[in-house]
C-alpha atoms as a PDB file:
ATOM      1  CA  MET A   1       0.004   0.014   0.169  1.00  0.00           C
ATOM      2  CA  SER A   2       1.455   3.407  -1.093  1.00  0.00           C
ATOM      3  CA  THR A   3       1.728   5.900   1.556  1.00  0.00           C
ATOM      4  CA  VAL A   4       2.702   9.790   1.816  1.00  0.00           C
ATOM      5  CA  LEU A   5       5.862   8.815   4.208  1.00  0.00           C
ATOM      6  CA  GLY A   6       6.284   5.310   2.246  1.00  0.00           C
ATOM      7  CA  ASP A   7       6.717   7.330  -1.459  1.00  0.00           C
ATOM      8  CA  LEU A   8       9.132   9.703   0.025  1.00  0.00           C
ATOM      9  CA  LEU A   9      11.323   6.787   0.743  1.00  0.00           C
ATOM     10  CA  THR A  10      10.549   4.506  -2.261  1.00  0.00           C
ATOM     11  CA  PHE A  11      14.168   4.910  -4.891  1.00  0.00           C
ATOM     12  CA  ASP A  12      14.774   3.421  -8.163  1.00  0.00           C
ATOM     13  CA  VAL A  13      18.497   2.914  -8.785  1.00  0.00           C
ATOM     14  CA  ILE A  14      19.995   5.033 -12.029  1.00  0.00           C
ATOM     15  CA  GLY A  15      23.443   4.074 -11.647  1.00  0.00           C
ATOM     16  CA  ASP A  16      26.042   2.051  -9.065  1.00  0.00           C
ATOM     17  CA  ASP A  17      29.093   0.836  -9.189  1.00  0.00           C
ATOM     18  CA  ALA A  18      31.726  -0.319  -6.067  1.00  0.00           C
ATOM     19  CA  ASP A  19      31.746   2.072  -3.668  1.00  0.00           C
ATOM     20  CA  SER A  20      28.634   4.428  -4.756  1.00  0.00           C
ATOM     21  CA  VAL A  21      24.804   4.260  -5.767  1.00  0.00           C
ATOM     22  CA  THR A  22      22.789   6.771  -7.898  1.00  0.00           C
ATOM     23  CA  TYR A  23      19.111   6.866  -6.451  1.00  0.00           C
ATOM     24  CA  ARG A  24      15.962   8.947  -8.086  1.00  0.00           C
ATOM     25  CA  GLY A  25      12.987   9.825  -5.343  1.00  0.00           C
ATOM     26  CA  SER A  26      10.716  12.499  -5.217  1.00  0.00           C
ATOM     27  CA  VAL A  27       9.342  14.837  -2.606  1.00  0.00           C
ATOM     28  CA  SER A  28       5.903  15.056  -2.356  1.00  0.00           C
ATOM     29  CA  PRO A  29       3.759  19.320  -1.711  1.00  0.00           C
ATOM     30  CA  ALA A  30       3.188  17.389   1.442  1.00  0.00           C
ATOM     31  CA  PHE A  31       6.430  17.884   2.782  1.00  0.00           C
ATOM     32  CA  THR A  32       6.737  21.717   2.512  1.00  0.00           C
ATOM     33  CA  ILE A  33       7.055  24.441   4.676  1.00  0.00           C
ATOM     34  CA  GLY A  34       5.503  27.337   2.752  1.00  0.00           C
ATOM     35  CA  PRO A  35       6.737  26.858  -0.621  1.00  0.00           C
ATOM     36  CA  LYS A  36      10.153  25.419   0.469  1.00  0.00           C
ATOM     37  CA  VAL A  37      10.549  21.701   1.363  1.00  0.00           C
ATOM     38  CA  HIS A  38      10.965  20.818   4.691  1.00  0.00           C
ATOM     39  CA  GLY A  39      14.744  20.121   5.706  1.00  0.00           C
ATOM     40  CA  GLY A  40      14.513  17.110   8.178  1.00  0.00           C
ATOM     41  CA  SER A  41      12.219  15.494   5.285  1.00  0.00           C
ATOM     42  CA  LEU A  42      15.179  15.361   3.136  1.00  0.00           C
ATOM     43  CA  GLN A  43      17.737  14.588   5.499  1.00  0.00           C
ATOM     44  CA  MET A  44      15.185  11.608   5.926  1.00  0.00           C
ATOM     45  CA  MET A  45      15.741  10.994   2.772  1.00  0.00           C
ATOM     46  CA  ALA A  46      19.537  11.063   2.857  1.00  0.00           C
ATOM     47  CA  ALA A  47      19.680   8.525   5.643  1.00  0.00           C
ATOM     48  CA  SER A  48      17.249   6.119   3.859  1.00  0.00           C
ATOM     49  CA  ALA A  49      20.111   6.479   0.829  1.00  0.00           C
ATOM     50  CA  ALA A  50      22.470   5.756   2.602  1.00  0.00           C
ATOM     51  CA  ARG A  51      21.380   2.386   4.482  1.00  0.00           C
ATOM     52  CA  ALA A  52      19.615   1.168   1.266  1.00  0.00           C
ATOM     53  CA  ALA A  53      23.525   1.628  -0.772  1.00  0.00           C
ATOM     54  CA  LEU A  54      25.362   0.306   2.491  1.00  0.00           C
ATOM     55  CA  TYR A  55      22.578  -2.805   2.497  1.00  0.00           C
ATOM     56  CA  ARG A  56      23.043  -3.107  -1.706  1.00  0.00           C
ATOM     57  CA  LEU A  57      26.687  -2.877  -1.362  1.00  0.00           C
ATOM     58  CA  GLY A  58      27.592  -3.851   1.754  1.00  0.00           C
ATOM     59  CA  GLY A  59      27.317  -7.572   0.958  1.00  0.00           C
ATOM     60  CA  PRO A  60      25.838 -10.724   3.049  1.00  0.00           C
ATOM     61  CA  ASP A  61      28.372  -9.751   5.966  1.00  0.00           C
ATOM     62  CA  GLN A  62      26.490  -6.273   6.967  1.00  0.00           C
ATOM     63  CA  PRO A  63      24.859  -6.658  10.353  1.00  0.00           C
ATOM     64  CA  ALA A  64      21.486  -6.721  10.367  1.00  0.00           C
ATOM     65  CA  GLY A  65      19.669  -3.789  12.077  1.00  0.00           C
ATOM     66  CA  THR A  66      22.216  -1.462  10.592  1.00  0.00           C
ATOM     67  CA  THR A  67      20.736   1.951   9.816  1.00  0.00           C
ATOM     68  CA  ALA A  68      21.647   5.634  10.372  1.00  0.00           C
ATOM     69  CA  ILE A  69      23.150   6.855  14.011  1.00  0.00           C
ATOM     70  CA  ALA A  70      23.993  10.259  12.990  1.00  0.00           C
ATOM     71  CA  VAL A  71      23.190  12.663  10.244  1.00  0.00           C
ATOM     72  CA  ALA A  72      25.126  16.041   9.745  1.00  0.00           C
ATOM     73  CA  SER A  73      23.885  17.891   6.754  1.00  0.00           C
ATOM     74  CA  ASP A  74      24.710  20.976   5.311  1.00  0.00           C
ATOM     75  CA  PHE A  75      21.569  23.055   3.353  1.00  0.00           C
ATOM     76  CA  LEU A  76      23.170  24.542   0.625  1.00  0.00           C
ATOM     77  CA  ALA A  77      19.846  25.601  -1.511  1.00  0.00           C
ATOM     78  CA  ALA A  78      15.895  24.675  -1.378  1.00  0.00           C
ATOM     79  CA  PRO A  79      14.995  22.157  -3.726  1.00  0.00           C
ATOM     80  CA  ASP A  80      11.328  22.282  -4.885  1.00  0.00           C
ATOM     81  CA  PRO A  81       8.594  19.277  -4.057  1.00  0.00           C
ATOM     82  CA  ALA A  82       9.757  17.463  -7.595  1.00  0.00           C
ATOM     83  CA  GLU A  83      11.856  14.813  -8.546  1.00  0.00           C
ATOM     84  CA  VAL A  84      15.221  14.622  -6.495  1.00  0.00           C
ATOM     85  CA  THR A  85      18.547  12.637  -7.411  1.00  0.00           C
ATOM     86  CA  LEU A  86      20.352  11.211  -4.228  1.00  0.00           C
ATOM     87  CA  ALA A  87      24.388  10.591  -4.931  1.00  0.00           C
ATOM     88  CA  VAL A  88      25.438   8.175  -2.129  1.00  0.00           C
ATOM     89  CA  ARG A  89      29.570   7.116  -1.771  1.00  0.00           C
ATOM     90  CA  LEU A  90      30.261   4.724   0.503  1.00  0.00           C
ATOM     91  CA  LEU A  91      33.716   5.707   2.459  1.00  0.00           C
ATOM     92  CA  LYS A  92      33.822   3.138   4.880  1.00  0.00           C
ATOM     93  CA  ARG A  93      32.288  -0.104   5.814  1.00  0.00           C
ATOM     94  CA  GLY A  94      32.816  -1.608   9.241  1.00  0.00           C
ATOM     95  CA  ARG A  95      31.550  -4.341  11.193  1.00  0.00           C
ATOM     96  CA  THR A  96      30.290  -1.731  13.740  1.00  0.00           C
ATOM     97  CA  VAL A  97      30.657   1.582  12.249  1.00  0.00           C
ATOM     98  CA  SER A  98      30.113   2.715   8.361  1.00  0.00           C
ATOM     99  CA  LEU A  99      29.915   6.224   6.788  1.00  0.00           C
ATOM    100  CA  ALA A 100      28.462   7.519   3.894  1.00  0.00           C
ATOM    101  CA  HIS A 101      28.623  10.670   2.000  1.00  0.00           C
ATOM    102  CA  VAL A 102      25.426  11.745   0.243  1.00  0.00           C
ATOM    103  CA  ASP A 103      24.300  14.521  -2.089  1.00  0.00           C
ATOM    104  CA  VAL A 104      20.679  15.555  -2.554  1.00  0.00           C
ATOM    105  CA  LEU A 105      20.806  17.307  -6.013  1.00  0.00           C
ATOM    106  CA  GLN A 106      17.707  19.159  -8.328  1.00  0.00           C
ATOM    107  CA  ALA A 107      18.785  20.299 -11.617  1.00  0.00           C
ATOM    108  CA  ASP A 108      22.345  19.136 -11.272  1.00  0.00           C
ATOM    109  CA  ARG A 109      22.702  21.282  -8.410  1.00  0.00           C
ATOM    110  CA  VAL A 110      23.892  20.180  -5.018  1.00  0.00           C
ATOM    111  CA  MET A 111      20.691  21.304  -2.644  1.00  0.00           C
ATOM    112  CA  VAL A 112      21.798  19.156   0.395  1.00  0.00           C
ATOM    113  CA  SER A 113      25.403  17.682   0.970  1.00  0.00           C
ATOM    114  CA  SER A 114      24.892  15.380   4.343  1.00  0.00           C
ATOM    115  CA  SER A 115      27.692  12.981   6.152  1.00  0.00           C
ATOM    116  CA  VAL A 116      25.772   9.715   7.556  1.00  0.00           C
ATOM    117  CA  THR A 117      26.915   7.282  10.035  1.00  0.00           C
ATOM    118  CA  LEU A 118      25.341   4.099   9.830  1.00  0.00           C
ATOM    119  CA  GLY A 119      25.182   1.233  12.793  1.00  0.00           C
ATOM    120  CA  ARG A 120      23.309  -0.261  15.396  1.00  0.00           C
ATOM    121  CA  PRO A 121      21.237   1.868  17.734  1.00  0.00           C
ATOM    122  CA  ASP A 122      20.958   1.153  21.372  1.00  0.00           C
ATOM    123  CA  VAL A 123      18.971  -1.184  22.857  1.00  0.00           C
ATOM    124  CA  GLY A 124      18.176  -2.246  26.857  1.00  0.00           C
ATOM    125  CA  ASP A 125      18.792  -0.256  29.670  1.00  0.00           C
ATOM    126  CA  PRO A 126      21.136   2.759  29.424  1.00  0.00           C
ATOM    127  CA  HIS A 127      23.989   2.902  32.135  1.00  0.00           C
ATOM    128  CA  HIS A 128      22.369   6.829  33.070  1.00  0.00           C
ATOM    129  CA  SER A 129      19.707   8.469  31.562  1.00  0.00           C
ATOM    130  CA  GLY A 130      19.156  12.470  32.822  1.00  0.00           C
ATOM    131  CA  GLY A 131      15.715  14.067  32.739  1.00  0.00           C
ATOM    132  CA  THR A 132      14.736  16.096  29.852  1.00  0.00           C
ATOM    133  CA  VAL A 133      12.245  18.956  29.299  1.00  0.00           C
ATOM    134  CA  LEU A 134       9.566  16.101  28.118  1.00  0.00           C
ATOM    135  CA  ASP A 135       9.413  14.564  31.189  1.00  0.00           C
ATOM    136  CA  ASP A 136       5.749  16.255  32.418  1.00  0.00           C
ATOM    137  CA  LEU A 137       4.561  15.851  29.003  1.00  0.00           C
ATOM    138  CA  PRO A 138       2.093  13.027  29.094  1.00  0.00           C
ATOM    139  CA  PRO A 139       2.971   9.854  26.238  1.00  0.00           C
ATOM    140  CA  VAL A 140       0.299  10.826  24.180  1.00  0.00           C
ATOM    141  CA  PRO A 141      -1.271  14.267  23.282  1.00  0.00           C
ATOM    142  CA  THR A 142      -3.726  15.759  25.934  1.00  0.00           C
ATOM    143  CA  ALA A 143      -7.574  17.010  25.009  1.00  0.00           C
ATOM    144  CA  ASP A 144      -6.054  20.500  24.681  1.00  0.00           C
ATOM    145  CA  ALA A 145      -3.425  19.693  22.366  1.00  0.00           C
ATOM    146  CA  VAL A 146      -3.806  22.063  19.041  1.00  0.00           C
ATOM    147  CA  PRO A 147      -3.517  19.741  15.977  1.00  0.00           C
ATOM    148  CA  ILE A 148      -1.484  21.700  13.373  1.00  0.00           C
ATOM    149  CA  ASP A 149      -4.553  21.054  10.559  1.00  0.00           C
ATOM    150  CA  ASP A 150      -6.786  22.639  12.896  1.00  0.00           C
ATOM    151  CA  SER A 151      -4.610  25.701  13.326  1.00  0.00           C
ATOM    152  CA  PRO A 152      -3.514  28.618  11.135  1.00  0.00           C
ATOM    153  CA  LEU A 153       0.024  26.861  11.272  1.00  0.00           C
ATOM    154  CA  GLY A 154      -1.931  24.402   8.637  1.00  0.00           C
ATOM    155  CA  GLU A 155      -1.258  26.937   5.818  1.00  0.00           C
ATOM    156  CA  VAL A 156       2.139  26.553   5.770  1.00  0.00           C
ATOM    157  CA  MET A 157       2.690  23.404   7.404  1.00  0.00           C
ATOM    158  CA  HIS A 158       1.960  21.083   4.800  1.00  0.00           C
ATOM    159  CA  LEU A 159       2.780  17.927   6.267  1.00  0.00           C
ATOM    160  CA  ALA A 160      -0.586  16.089   7.770  1.00  0.00           C
ATOM    161  CA  PRO A 161      -1.288  13.980   5.022  1.00  0.00           C
ATOM    162  CA  ALA A 162       2.008  12.142   6.088  1.00  0.00           C
ATOM    163  CA  MET A 163       1.680  12.391   9.636  1.00  0.00           C
ATOM    164  CA  ASP A 164      -0.195  13.312  12.751  1.00  0.00           C
ATOM    165  CA  LEU A 165       1.317  16.403  14.904  1.00  0.00           C
ATOM    166  CA  ALA A 166      -0.224  18.161  17.489  1.00  0.00           C
ATOM    167  CA  LEU A 167       1.257  20.958  20.276  1.00  0.00           C
ATOM    168  CA  ASP A 168       1.004  21.720  23.495  1.00  0.00           C
ATOM    169  CA  PRO A 169      -0.483  24.873  24.094  1.00  0.00           C
ATOM    170  CA  HIS A 170       1.168  25.756  27.199  1.00  0.00           C
ATOM    171  CA  TRP A 171       4.259  25.919  25.123  1.00  0.00           C
ATOM    172  CA  PHE A 172       3.090  27.851  22.027  1.00  0.00           C
ATOM    173  CA  PRO A 173       1.983  31.611  23.488  1.00  0.00           C
ATOM    174  CA  VAL A 174       1.528  32.661  20.091  1.00  0.00           C
ATOM    175  CA  LEU A 175      -1.586  30.784  19.250  1.00  0.00           C
ATOM    176  CA  ARG A 176      -3.022  33.285  21.939  1.00  0.00           C
ATOM    177  CA  GLY A 177      -1.852  35.912  20.518  1.00  0.00           C
ATOM    178  CA  GLU A 178       1.258  36.842  23.231  1.00  0.00           C
ATOM    179  CA  GLN A 179       5.147  36.007  23.487  1.00  0.00           C
ATOM    180  CA  GLY A 180       6.857  33.852  25.620  1.00  0.00           C
ATOM    181  CA  GLU A 181      10.317  31.389  26.019  1.00  0.00           C
ATOM    182  CA  PRO A 182      11.378  29.852  22.516  1.00  0.00           C
ATOM    183  CA  GLN A 183      10.106  26.322  23.392  1.00  0.00           C
ATOM    184  CA  ILE A 184       7.881  24.304  21.535  1.00  0.00           C
ATOM    185  CA  ARG A 185       6.571  20.476  22.374  1.00  0.00           C
ATOM    186  CA  GLY A 186       4.244  18.400  20.990  1.00  0.00           C
ATOM    187  CA  TRP A 187       3.331  14.997  19.692  1.00  0.00           C
ATOM    188  CA  THR A 188       3.948  13.415  16.108  1.00  0.00           C
ATOM    189  CA  ARG A 189       3.338   9.931  14.603  1.00  0.00           C
ATOM    190  CA  PRO A 190       3.347   8.314  10.803  1.00  0.00           C
ATOM    191  CA  LYS A 191      -0.741   8.742   9.450  1.00  0.00           C
ATOM    192  CA  ASP A 192      -1.305   4.783   8.514  1.00  0.00           C
ATOM    193  CA  PRO A 193       1.604   3.461  10.611  1.00  0.00           C
ATOM    194  CA  ALA A 194       0.050   0.026   9.623  1.00  0.00           C
ATOM    195  CA  ALA A 195       1.258   0.503   6.015  1.00  0.00           C
ATOM    196  CA  GLN A 196       4.050   2.062   6.593  1.00  0.00           C
ATOM    197  CA  PRO A 197       7.438   0.204   5.524  1.00  0.00           C
ATOM    198  CA  ALA A 198       9.531  -1.660   8.425  1.00  0.00           C
ATOM    199  CA  SER A 199      12.422   0.878   8.094  1.00  0.00           C
ATOM    200  CA  MET A 200       9.814   3.728   9.222  1.00  0.00           C
ATOM    201  CA  ALA A 201      10.429   2.789  12.568  1.00  0.00           C
ATOM    202  CA  ALA A 202      13.827   3.671  12.063  1.00  0.00           C
ATOM    203  CA  ASP A 203      13.684   6.244   9.682  1.00  0.00           C
ATOM    204  CA  PHE A 204      10.697   8.932  10.963  1.00  0.00           C
ATOM    205  CA  PRO A 205      12.708  10.112  14.142  1.00  0.00           C
ATOM    206  CA  VAL A 206      15.322  11.690  11.864  1.00  0.00           C
ATOM    207  CA  LEU A 207      12.443  13.848  10.436  1.00  0.00           C
ATOM    208  CA  VAL A 208      10.838  14.706  14.021  1.00  0.00           C
ATOM    209  CA  CYS A 209      13.961  16.147  14.669  1.00  0.00           C
ATOM    210  CA  ASP A 210      13.431  18.861  12.295  1.00  0.00           C
ATOM    211  CA  VAL A 211       8.950  18.859  13.034  1.00  0.00           C
ATOM    212  CA  SER A 212       8.741  21.753  15.441  1.00  0.00           C
ATOM    213  CA  PRO A 213       7.643  25.479  13.923  1.00  0.00           C
ATOM    214  CA  PRO A 214      10.709  27.613  14.556  1.00  0.00           C
ATOM    215  CA  VAL A 215      10.797  28.167  18.626  1.00  0.00           C
ATOM    216  CA  VAL A 216      11.657  32.075  17.222  1.00  0.00           C
ATOM    217  CA  MET A 217       7.483  32.330  16.910  1.00  0.00           C
ATOM    218  CA  ASN A 218       6.965  32.343  20.228  1.00  0.00           C
ATOM    219  CA  LEU A 219       9.383  35.424  20.225  1.00  0.00           C
ATOM    220  CA  GLY A 220       7.360  37.321  17.551  1.00  0.00           C
ATOM    221  CA  LEU A 221       9.787  36.595  14.857  1.00  0.00           C
ATOM    222  CA  PHE A 222       7.750  35.135  11.839  1.00  0.00           C
ATOM    223  CA  GLY A 223       8.770  33.622   8.101  1.00  0.00           C
ATOM    224  CA  TRP A 224      10.693  31.108   6.204  1.00  0.00           C
ATOM    225  CA  ALA A 225      13.744  30.326   9.547  1.00  0.00           C
ATOM    226  CA  PRO A 226      15.871  29.061   6.659  1.00  0.00           C
ATOM    227  CA  THR A 227      18.315  25.567   8.009  1.00  0.00           C
ATOM    228  CA  VAL A 228      21.827  26.365   7.947  1.00  0.00           C
ATOM    229  CA  GLN A 229      22.897  23.450   9.374  1.00  0.00           C
ATOM    230  CA  LEU A 230      21.482  20.151  10.847  1.00  0.00           C
ATOM    231  CA  THR A 231      23.109  17.471  12.763  1.00  0.00           C
ATOM    232  CA  THR A 232      20.694  14.276  13.947  1.00  0.00           C
ATOM    233  CA  TYR A 233      21.613  11.570  16.492  1.00  0.00           C
ATOM    234  CA  LEU A 234      19.854   8.739  15.966  1.00  0.00           C
ATOM    235  CA  ARG A 235      19.866   6.990  19.680  1.00  0.00           C
ATOM    236  CA  ARG A 236      17.761   4.174  19.193  1.00  0.00           C
ATOM    237  CA  VAL A 237      14.876   2.958  17.019  1.00  0.00           C
ATOM    238  CA  PRO A 238      10.970   3.708  19.325  1.00  0.00           C
ATOM    239  CA  GLU A 239       9.038   1.497  20.644  1.00  0.00           C
ATOM    240  CA  THR A 240       5.972   1.421  18.396  1.00  0.00           C
ATOM    241  CA  GLY A 241       3.410  -0.640  19.614  1.00  0.00           C
ATOM    242  CA  PRO A 242       2.396  -4.011  17.739  1.00  0.00           C
ATOM    243  CA  ASP A 243       0.208  -1.714  14.936  1.00  0.00           C
ATOM    244  CA  GLY A 244       3.545   0.620  14.251  1.00  0.00           C
ATOM    245  CA  ALA A 245       0.765   3.839  15.943  1.00  0.00           C
ATOM    246  CA  GLY A 246       2.797   4.524  18.779  1.00  0.00           C
ATOM    247  CA  TRP A 247       3.411   8.593  19.593  1.00  0.00           C
ATOM    248  CA  LEU A 248       6.569  10.571  20.024  1.00  0.00           C
ATOM    249  CA  ARG A 249       6.964  13.272  22.290  1.00  0.00           C
ATOM    250  CA  PHE A 250       9.692  16.452  21.262  1.00  0.00           C
ATOM    251  CA  ALA A 251      10.388  19.142  22.541  1.00  0.00           C
ATOM    252  CA  ALA A 252      12.389  22.103  20.315  1.00  0.00           C
ATOM    253  CA  THR A 253      14.214  24.863  22.397  1.00  0.00           C
ATOM    254  CA  SER A 254      16.812  27.641  22.094  1.00  0.00           C
ATOM    255  CA  THR A 255      19.324  28.920  24.264  1.00  0.00           C
ATOM    256  CA  GLU A 256      20.177  32.356  22.933  1.00  0.00           C
ATOM    257  CA  VAL A 257      18.778  34.311  19.488  1.00  0.00           C
ATOM    258  CA  GLY A 258      20.880  36.048  18.153  1.00  0.00           C
ATOM    259  CA  GLN A 259      20.057  39.140  15.477  1.00  0.00           C
ATOM    260  CA  GLY A 260      20.864  37.349  12.342  1.00  0.00           C
ATOM    261  CA  MET A 261      21.282  33.116  13.648  1.00  0.00           C
ATOM    262  CA  PHE A 262      20.064  30.837  16.455  1.00  0.00           C
ATOM    263  CA  ALA A 263      20.645  27.543  17.197  1.00  0.00           C
ATOM    264  CA  GLU A 264      17.711  25.193  18.076  1.00  0.00           C
ATOM    265  CA  ASP A 265      17.620  22.066  19.757  1.00  0.00           C
ATOM    266  CA  HIS A 266      15.067  18.971  19.132  1.00  0.00           C
ATOM    267  CA  THR A 267      14.664  15.634  21.909  1.00  0.00           C
ATOM    268  CA  VAL A 268      12.523  13.021  20.908  1.00  0.00           C
ATOM    269  CA  VAL A 269      11.268  10.211  22.921  1.00  0.00           C
ATOM    270  CA  ASP A 270       8.988   7.550  22.115  1.00  0.00           C
ATOM    271  CA  GLU A 271       5.904   6.483  24.615  1.00  0.00           C
ATOM    272  CA  THR A 272       7.821   4.870  26.941  1.00  0.00           C
ATOM    273  CA  GLY A 273       9.786   8.199  27.871  1.00  0.00           C
ATOM    274  CA  ALA A 274      12.738   6.499  26.000  1.00  0.00           C
ATOM    275  CA  LEU A 275      15.152   8.930  24.643  1.00  0.00           C
ATOM    276  CA  VAL A 276      14.998   7.897  20.842  1.00  0.00           C
ATOM    277  CA  ALA A 277      16.883  11.361  19.116  1.00  0.00           C
ATOM    278  CA  GLN A 278      18.667  14.446  19.841  1.00  0.00           C
ATOM    279  CA  SER A 279      19.449  17.480  16.962  1.00  0.00           C
ATOM    280  CA  ARG A 280      20.940  20.712  16.362  1.00  0.00           C
ATOM    281  CA  GLN A 281      20.897  23.119  13.894  1.00  0.00           C
ATOM    282  CA  LEU A 282      21.724  26.341  12.977  1.00  0.00           C
ATOM    283  CA  ALA A 283      19.090  28.623  11.141  1.00  0.00           C
ATOM    284  CA  LEU A 284      18.876  31.953  10.329  1.00  0.00           C
ATOM    285  CA  ILE A 285      16.217  34.321  11.921  1.00  0.00           C
ATOM    286  CA  PRO A 286      13.131  34.818   9.476  1.00  0.00           C
ATOM    287  CA  SER A 287      13.060  37.657   7.458  1.00  0.00           C
ATOM    288  CA  ALA A 288       9.276  38.284   7.554  1.00  0.00           C
ATOM    289  CA  ARG A 289       8.566  40.042  11.163  1.00  0.00           C
END
């Protein structure tokens, strides 16, 4: 069964050799923020393409469960929601850690350039686990949670066909015409979870690490906040339940918002409270104020 998310991670091989694979993919308009393609969606494509290339070229001894565990992406230009090319080059093939470079191209121009580290995510109980800003957020959306597609944000964030996404209203005062701290929390999960490919549990947290509206909106700074660089760490595959329908909770925060740039951190946990993913991105202050 075809799904919006599944289609984003469906690639055609258009060339390969001993150390590289080139894929053709397509970005739906569902993965746009305004007219611009959502950065986390492109990073998720790069991570998925790197894993696919490793299994294609790595031979039968590639350890099962290997997936992206770190993705560092430089955003050079904003592609259109259309066909893209993903050029993957394997730099290292190892039993524990492998490394790939992935360029996302459109019209023969590199749009996003990523380094993808592949390995096996953590399992079992951690040696130490500190608290996060998500500890007091219930595992599933509360009665007063604000679904994106039921708010004015739905006119800008077009992700509703791909995922359920709701915000904690207590951390998003801009919905009340107020301002507050540059921090946003919420819940998300893939639409049609049972129909998603088996790899979605590992892939989806990459997207979630860039799913929040820009935290600077709470400071009254509105408009497109272009991502300059985004680094994401995948700590473990989330517990999603037998039907894959589990919610992920996310928090986006910023320590300092400058005049021209700000850094935004994402923390993602699953319904059990286990840390799934973390990210930090450097973004530009919106030009429209």
